[in-house]
């Protein structure tokens, strides 16, 4: 049974239900065709929303990007659809339980350093990787403890300036990154809608590039970056 079979039970979803189901069917045999099918299903679903809700204003273009970023559409869609944004703090919180995220937000707003230090001391004792990540982050950001680091990390987000980024962009990722949720990259790409060009590199296990910062194959990553610079300068 498909994850989208429930859509067939509602006649009003008939416009995009079958497209979603068909895209899922080829996921294991042809990821590329699945991606094409997913985009088709998404576009049909978005157009259905426009047809169903007359309060949404049709943008001057009817392509998918324009439809998704029309302000009245974003306002009408549930806020949770847009809630995970490409930010350092968002990446840190992506795998944390909702209860922990809520506590941290409250404590950070209240500048409650002691509560945050107590919480993270317990986590660091149980999880060596977590302890290392905090030590590394303190070094990278010039902070003295996890409280200062989280406060500084909350300021690092491209959301307020993403629309102003108009140059060429190369986005590097790691599918098996233990510190950054791979799903966050899609949301960053969606925000970078005005770039002159955008390339998304996903080196996998075959290239030993699946880990955080692609540390398994730094030579390949440096060559990739230099080649991208050369190609960009030749345009």
Protein backbone atom coordinates (compact mmCIF):
# COMPACT_ATOMS: atom_id res chain seq x y z
CA UNK A 1 0.00 0.00 0.00
CA UNK A 2 1.23 3.48 -0.86
CA UNK A 3 1.85 6.16 1.74
CA UNK A 4 -0.53 8.29 -0.33
CA UNK A 5 -3.40 5.80 -0.72
CA UNK A 6 -5.44 7.76 1.80
CA UNK A 7 -5.73 10.58 -0.75
CA UNK A 8 -7.86 8.36 -2.99
CA UNK A 9 -10.57 8.28 -0.34
CA UNK A 10 -11.27 11.98 -0.89
CA UNK A 11 -12.61 12.97 -4.29
CA UNK A 12 -11.36 16.52 -3.89
CA UNK A 13 -7.75 15.24 -3.93
CA UNK A 14 -8.13 13.37 -7.21
CA UNK A 15 -6.17 16.05 -9.08
CA UNK A 16 -2.87 15.05 -7.48
CA UNK A 17 -3.44 11.74 -5.63
CA UNK A 18 -2.47 9.42 -8.48
CA UNK A 19 0.62 11.48 -9.30
CA UNK A 20 1.87 11.10 -5.74
CA UNK A 21 1.24 7.34 -5.78
CA UNK A 22 2.93 6.86 -9.16
CA UNK A 23 5.99 8.82 -8.04
CA UNK A 24 6.37 6.59 -4.99
CA UNK A 25 6.14 3.41 -7.08
CA UNK A 26 9.40 4.13 -8.91
CA UNK A 27 11.36 5.29 -5.86
CA UNK A 28 13.42 2.10 -5.54
CA UNK A 29 13.92 1.46 -9.26
CA UNK A 30 14.47 4.98 -10.59
CA UNK A 31 15.13 7.77 -8.07
CA UNK A 32 15.47 10.29 -10.91
CA UNK A 33 12.02 9.47 -12.29
CA UNK A 34 10.67 9.53 -8.74
CA UNK A 35 12.01 13.07 -8.30
CA UNK A 36 10.31 14.15 -11.54
CA UNK A 37 7.07 12.53 -10.39
CA UNK A 38 7.29 14.18 -6.97
CA UNK A 39 7.65 17.58 -8.56
CA UNK A 40 4.64 16.94 -10.77
CA UNK A 41 2.56 15.83 -7.76
CA UNK A 42 3.64 18.87 -5.76
CA UNK A 43 2.77 21.27 -8.56
CA UNK A 44 -0.66 19.70 -9.00
CA UNK A 45 -1.27 19.83 -5.23
CA UNK A 46 -0.24 23.48 -5.04
CA UNK A 47 -2.51 24.39 -7.96
CA UNK A 48 -5.33 22.55 -6.22
CA UNK A 49 -4.82 24.75 -3.16
CA UNK A 50 -5.08 27.86 -5.35
CA UNK A 51 -8.29 26.54 -6.92
CA UNK A 52 -9.81 25.60 -3.56
CA UNK A 53 -8.97 28.79 -1.67
CA UNK A 54 -10.14 31.93 -3.41
CA UNK A 55 -8.41 34.16 -0.85
CA UNK A 56 -5.03 33.24 -2.35
CA UNK A 57 -3.76 35.62 -5.04
CA UNK A 58 -2.45 34.07 -8.25
CA UNK A 59 1.10 35.37 -8.91
CA UNK A 60 2.07 36.95 -12.22
CA UNK A 61 3.74 33.67 -13.20
CA UNK A 62 2.14 30.27 -12.68
CA UNK A 63 5.37 28.25 -12.38
CA UNK A 64 5.88 26.22 -9.23
CA UNK A 65 8.43 28.53 -7.63
CA UNK A 66 6.22 31.59 -8.01
CA UNK A 67 3.18 29.71 -6.74
CA UNK A 68 5.02 28.47 -3.63
CA UNK A 69 6.42 31.86 -2.68
CA UNK A 70 3.33 33.98 -3.26
CA UNK A 71 2.82 35.67 0.18
CA UNK A 72 -0.90 34.90 0.38
CA UNK A 73 -0.17 31.21 -0.29
CA UNK A 74 2.48 31.05 2.43
CA UNK A 75 0.10 32.76 4.83
CA UNK A 76 -2.71 30.31 4.06
CA UNK A 77 -0.62 27.15 4.45
CA UNK A 78 -0.01 25.77 7.94
CA UNK A 79 3.01 27.43 9.53
CA UNK A 80 4.56 24.03 10.31
CA UNK A 81 5.17 23.52 6.59
CA UNK A 82 7.72 26.35 6.69
CA UNK A 83 8.93 25.93 10.27
CA UNK A 84 12.30 24.20 9.73
CA UNK A 85 14.53 26.82 8.18
CA UNK A 86 18.14 26.58 6.96
CA UNK A 87 19.88 27.96 10.02
CA UNK A 88 22.63 26.75 12.30
CA UNK A 89 20.27 26.69 15.24
CA UNK A 90 17.61 24.90 13.17
CA UNK A 91 20.11 22.20 12.26
CA UNK A 92 21.01 21.75 15.92
CA UNK A 93 17.36 21.41 16.94
CA UNK A 94 16.18 19.22 14.04
CA UNK A 95 16.60 15.90 15.88
CA UNK A 96 15.63 17.13 19.35
CA UNK A 97 12.26 16.18 20.89
CA UNK A 98 9.63 18.92 20.84
CA UNK A 99 9.70 19.15 24.64
CA UNK A 100 13.45 19.80 24.66
CA UNK A 101 13.18 22.38 21.87
CA UNK A 102 10.47 24.24 23.75
CA UNK A 103 12.51 24.28 26.96
CA UNK A 104 15.60 25.54 25.17
CA UNK A 105 13.69 28.30 23.40
CA UNK A 106 12.22 29.44 26.72
CA UNK A 107 15.54 29.29 28.56
CA UNK A 108 17.38 31.12 25.80
CA UNK A 109 14.73 33.85 25.73
CA UNK A 110 14.99 34.13 29.53
CA UNK A 111 18.83 34.02 29.42
CA UNK A 112 18.74 31.05 31.81
CA UNK A 113 22.33 29.87 31.45
CA UNK A 114 22.28 27.49 34.44
CA UNK A 115 19.28 25.48 33.21
CA UNK A 116 20.82 25.00 29.76
CA UNK A 117 24.20 24.02 31.18
CA UNK A 118 22.57 21.45 33.48
CA UNK A 119 20.59 19.92 30.60
CA UNK A 120 23.55 19.66 28.27
CA UNK A 121 25.91 18.35 30.94
CA UNK A 122 23.75 15.24 31.20
CA UNK A 123 23.59 14.79 27.43
CA UNK A 124 27.34 15.25 27.03
CA UNK A 125 28.03 12.63 29.68
CA UNK A 126 25.90 10.03 27.88
CA UNK A 127 26.83 10.87 24.27
CA UNK A 128 30.53 11.28 23.35
CA UNK A 129 29.71 12.53 19.84
CA UNK A 130 27.48 15.22 21.29
CA UNK A 131 30.20 16.23 23.75
CA UNK A 132 32.70 16.53 20.89
CA UNK A 133 30.29 18.58 18.77
CA UNK A 134 29.87 21.14 21.54
CA UNK A 135 33.62 21.37 22.12
CA UNK A 136 34.18 21.80 18.41
CA UNK A 137 31.41 24.42 18.17
CA UNK A 138 32.85 26.43 21.05
CA UNK A 139 36.20 26.46 19.27
CA UNK A 140 34.68 27.44 15.91
CA UNK A 141 32.44 30.20 17.29
CA UNK A 142 34.74 31.49 20.00
CA UNK A 143 32.26 30.72 22.78
CA UNK A 144 32.98 29.41 26.26
CA UNK A 145 30.04 27.04 26.80
CA UNK A 146 26.92 25.62 25.16
CA UNK A 147 24.73 28.49 26.37
CA UNK A 148 26.85 31.12 24.59
CA UNK A 149 27.08 28.90 21.52
CA UNK A 150 23.30 28.43 21.22
CA UNK A 151 22.69 32.14 21.64
CA UNK A 152 25.19 32.90 18.89
CA UNK A 153 23.88 30.10 16.66
CA UNK A 154 20.36 31.53 16.73
CA UNK A 155 21.66 34.57 14.86
CA UNK A 156 23.04 32.50 11.97
CA UNK A 157 20.27 32.07 9.40
CA UNK A 158 20.02 33.02 5.73
CA UNK A 159 16.25 33.52 5.86
CA UNK A 160 16.26 37.35 6.20
CA UNK A 161 18.77 37.80 3.36
CA UNK A 162 18.15 34.79 1.09
CA UNK A 163 16.23 36.79 -1.53
CA UNK A 164 19.17 39.20 -1.87
CA UNK A 165 21.62 36.44 -2.80
CA UNK A 166 21.93 36.75 -6.58
CA UNK A 167 25.39 35.35 -7.28
CA UNK A 168 26.35 31.78 -8.19
CA UNK A 169 26.08 29.35 -5.29
CA UNK A 170 27.67 25.95 -4.70
CA UNK A 171 25.97 24.02 -1.89
CA UNK A 172 27.90 21.05 -0.46
CA UNK A 173 26.14 18.36 1.54
CA UNK A 174 26.69 15.00 3.24
CA UNK A 175 23.87 12.47 3.11
CA UNK A 176 25.00 10.65 6.29
CA UNK A 177 26.00 13.71 8.30
CA UNK A 178 25.48 12.92 11.98
CA UNK A 179 25.25 16.61 12.92
CA UNK A 180 23.16 18.14 10.11
CA UNK A 181 19.83 16.69 8.99
CA UNK A 182 20.00 16.10 5.22
CA UNK A 183 16.39 17.29 4.85
CA UNK A 184 17.46 20.84 5.77
CA UNK A 185 19.26 21.27 2.46
CA UNK A 186 16.01 21.26 0.49
CA UNK A 187 14.69 24.14 2.54
CA UNK A 188 17.87 26.10 1.99
CA UNK A 189 17.61 25.52 -1.75
CA UNK A 190 13.99 26.66 -1.71
CA UNK A 191 15.00 29.92 -0.05
CA UNK A 192 17.81 30.58 -2.54
CA UNK A 193 15.41 31.39 -5.36
CA UNK A 194 17.20 34.42 -6.84
CA UNK A 195 20.68 32.99 -7.35
CA UNK A 196 22.18 33.27 -10.82
CA UNK A 197 22.95 29.55 -10.61
CA UNK A 198 22.84 26.94 -7.87
CA UNK A 199 24.68 23.60 -7.83
CA UNK A 200 23.99 21.01 -5.16
CA UNK A 201 26.74 18.41 -4.59
CA UNK A 202 25.97 15.19 -2.71
CA UNK A 203 29.09 12.99 -2.65
CA UNK A 204 28.12 9.58 -1.30
CA UNK A 205 29.77 6.45 0.03
CA UNK A 206 31.32 5.59 -3.33
CA UNK A 207 33.48 8.70 -2.96
CA UNK A 208 33.85 8.46 0.83
CA UNK A 209 32.14 11.82 1.07
CA UNK A 210 29.05 10.88 3.07
CA UNK A 211 30.23 12.13 6.49
CA UNK A 212 30.17 15.55 8.16
CA UNK A 213 32.15 18.13 6.13
CA UNK A 214 32.88 15.33 3.63
CA UNK A 215 35.95 14.49 5.70
CA UNK A 216 36.43 11.10 4.02
CA UNK A 217 37.63 12.67 0.77
CA UNK A 218 38.85 16.24 1.21
CA UNK A 219 40.90 16.12 -2.00
CA UNK A 220 37.81 15.35 -4.08
CA UNK A 221 35.89 18.16 -2.36
CA UNK A 222 38.66 20.69 -2.97
CA UNK A 223 38.86 19.65 -6.63
CA UNK A 224 35.08 19.95 -6.89
CA UNK A 225 35.15 23.48 -5.47
CA UNK A 226 38.04 24.59 -7.71
CA UNK A 227 36.37 23.13 -10.81
CA UNK A 228 33.13 24.90 -9.91
CA UNK A 229 35.01 28.22 -9.54
CA UNK A 230 36.69 27.73 -12.94
CA UNK A 231 33.36 26.92 -14.64
CA UNK A 232 31.68 29.89 -12.99
CA UNK A 233 34.37 32.33 -14.04
CA UNK A 234 34.15 31.13 -17.66
CA UNK A 235 30.47 32.06 -17.95
